[in-house]
Amino acid sequence: YQRRVHGLTEKKDLASQTRVEEENQRRILQQERYEELEANMRRKEAIQQAKMAALLQRVKDRALVEQDAQKRYEDKIVEQVVQEHSTSKMATSLVSESSQLVEQLKALKQEQLHHAQRGEALRMLLAFNATVV
């Protein structure tokens, strides 16, 4: 009887030990799966961060290109305004100079007319003197 009890106790102990070992094995597998999942999550997170950094760099580069284009556009507008102002100033100067030249031409024509009238008066006087003498 004692052998039987002892045998049963041994079987029980073996079964209990087997359950403990199986439980330990299950825990080890769970821990390995957890560590693998955690490593996968870290890798995915690193990939996401790298993608985000690349995207941010592209956005930054595009913003710099657009900012440069905006600056060139504004510089071109300023250059056009300066050119228009210069052209306007030149046109005003030409109009003023033209007006002065017209006035000088009128004065010269007036002087020429005056000389022509004086010359005609002198010729008439000389002709009169020639007829009187």
Protein backbone atom coordinates (compact mmCIF):
# COMPACT_ATOMS: atom_id res chain seq x y z
CA TYR A 1 0.00 0.00 0.00
CA GLN A 2 2.76 2.39 0.91
CA ARG A 3 4.47 1.68 -2.35
CA ARG A 4 1.32 2.42 -4.13
CA VAL A 5 0.87 5.65 -2.21
CA HIS A 6 4.47 6.48 -2.73
CA GLY A 7 4.11 5.69 -6.47
CA LEU A 8 1.00 7.85 -6.69
CA THR A 9 2.74 10.61 -4.83
CA GLU A 10 5.64 10.37 -7.24
CA LYS A 11 3.28 10.46 -10.20
CA LYS A 12 1.57 13.46 -8.67
CA ASP A 13 4.88 15.13 -8.06
CA LEU A 14 5.96 14.37 -11.64
CA ALA A 15 2.68 15.68 -13.00
CA SER A 16 3.02 18.77 -10.83
CA GLN A 17 6.62 19.25 -11.90
CA THR A 18 5.63 18.78 -15.55
CA ARG A 19 2.89 21.40 -15.15
CA VAL A 20 5.41 23.77 -13.54
CA GLU A 21 7.88 23.17 -16.37
CA GLU A 22 5.16 23.62 -18.98
CA GLU A 23 4.09 26.84 -17.26
CA ASN A 24 7.69 28.04 -17.16
CA GLN A 25 8.09 27.16 -20.84
CA ARG A 26 4.87 29.04 -21.63
CA ARG A 27 6.11 32.08 -19.70
CA ILE A 28 9.46 31.95 -21.52
CA LEU A 29 7.66 31.81 -24.88
CA GLN A 30 5.41 34.69 -23.85
CA GLN A 31 8.43 36.72 -22.77
CA GLU A 32 10.19 35.99 -26.09
CA ARG A 33 7.05 36.99 -28.04
CA TYR A 34 6.74 40.15 -25.97
CA GLU A 35 10.39 41.05 -26.59
CA GLU A 36 9.99 40.33 -30.31
CA LEU A 37 6.86 42.49 -30.49
CA GLU A 38 8.61 45.23 -28.55
CA ALA A 39 11.60 45.09 -30.93
CA ASN A 40 9.22 45.22 -33.92
CA MET A 41 7.45 48.21 -32.41
CA ARG A 42 10.79 50.00 -31.87
CA ARG A 43 11.82 49.26 -35.48
CA LYS A 44 8.47 50.52 -36.80
CA GLU A 45 8.74 53.60 -34.62
CA ALA A 46 12.28 54.29 -35.88
CA ILE A 47 11.10 53.88 -39.48
CA GLN A 48 8.17 56.23 -38.85
CA GLN A 49 10.50 58.79 -37.26
CA ALA A 50 12.88 58.55 -40.22
CA LYS A 51 9.97 59.01 -42.65
CA MET A 52 8.71 61.98 -40.65
CA ALA A 53 12.18 63.54 -40.59
CA ALA A 54 12.49 63.08 -44.36
CA LEU A 55 9.05 64.59 -44.89
CA LEU A 56 9.88 67.55 -42.66
CA GLN A 57 13.13 68.07 -44.58
CA ARG A 58 11.26 68.02 -47.92
CA VAL A 59 8.73 70.51 -46.58
CA LYS A 60 11.55 72.72 -45.29
CA ASP A 61 13.39 72.52 -48.63
CA ARG A 62 10.20 73.33 -50.55
CA ALA A 63 9.51 76.28 -48.25
CA LEU A 64 13.04 77.59 -48.85
CA VAL A 65 12.60 77.24 -52.62
CA GLU A 66 9.25 79.05 -52.47
CA GLN A 67 10.72 81.74 -50.22
CA ASP A 68 13.57 82.25 -52.69
CA ALA A 69 11.10 82.43 -55.59
CA GLN A 70 9.01 84.97 -53.65
CA LYS A 71 12.11 87.08 -52.99
CA ARG A 72 13.10 87.01 -56.67
CA TYR A 73 9.53 87.96 -57.62
CA GLU A 74 9.52 90.86 -55.17
CA ASP A 75 12.96 92.00 -56.36
CA LYS A 76 11.72 91.91 -59.94
CA ILE A 77 8.68 94.03 -59.01
CA VAL A 78 10.92 96.55 -57.22
CA GLU A 79 13.21 96.62 -60.27
CA GLN A 80 10.21 97.24 -62.56
CA VAL A 81 8.93 100.03 -60.31
CA VAL A 82 12.38 101.65 -60.29
CA GLN A 83 12.58 101.27 -64.08
CA GLU A 84 9.09 102.76 -64.52
CA HIS A 85 10.00 105.65 -62.24
CA SER A 86 13.22 106.22 -64.18
CA THR A 87 11.34 106.06 -67.50
CA SER A 88 8.70 108.45 -66.18
CA LYS A 89 11.38 110.86 -64.99
CA MET A 90 13.10 110.66 -68.37
CA ALA A 91 9.80 111.26 -70.19
CA THR A 92 9.07 114.27 -67.98
CA SER A 93 12.56 115.60 -68.65
CA LEU A 94 12.12 115.10 -72.41
CA VAL A 95 8.75 116.86 -72.36
CA SER A 96 10.27 119.77 -70.44
CA GLU A 97 13.26 119.95 -72.79
CA SER A 98 10.95 119.73 -75.80
CA SER A 99 8.83 122.56 -74.41
CA GLN A 100 11.94 124.69 -73.93
CA LEU A 101 13.09 123.94 -77.48
CA VAL A 102 9.66 124.91 -78.85
CA GLU A 103 9.87 128.19 -76.93
CA GLN A 104 13.37 128.83 -78.28
CA LEU A 105 12.18 128.00 -81.80
CA LYS A 106 9.28 130.46 -81.41
CA ALA A 107 11.71 133.12 -80.16
CA LEU A 108 14.04 132.48 -83.12
CA LYS A 109 11.14 132.67 -85.57
CA GLN A 110 10.01 135.89 -83.94
CA GLU A 111 13.55 137.27 -84.21
CA GLN A 112 13.80 136.10 -87.83
CA LEU A 113 10.48 137.78 -88.62
CA HIS A 114 11.66 140.94 -86.88
CA HIS A 115 14.92 140.91 -88.91
CA ALA A 116 13.00 140.21 -92.09
CA GLN A 117 10.69 143.15 -91.37
CA ARG A 118 13.67 145.39 -90.60
CA GLY A 119 15.44 144.23 -93.75
CA GLU A 120 12.31 144.95 -95.82
CA ALA A 121 12.04 148.38 -94.23
CA LEU A 122 15.69 149.09 -95.04
CA ARG A 123 15.25 147.97 -98.65
CA MET A 124 12.21 150.18 -98.96
CA LEU A 125 14.12 153.07 -97.46
CA LEU A 126 17.05 152.48 -99.81
CA ALA A 127 14.72 152.21 -102.76
CA PHE A 128 13.00 155.40 -101.66
CA ASN A 129 16.36 157.11 -101.23
CA ALA A 130 17.44 155.91 -104.67
CA THR A 131 14.32 157.35 -106.23
CA VAL A 132 14.68 160.65 -104.38
CA VAL A 133 18.24 161.24 -105.27
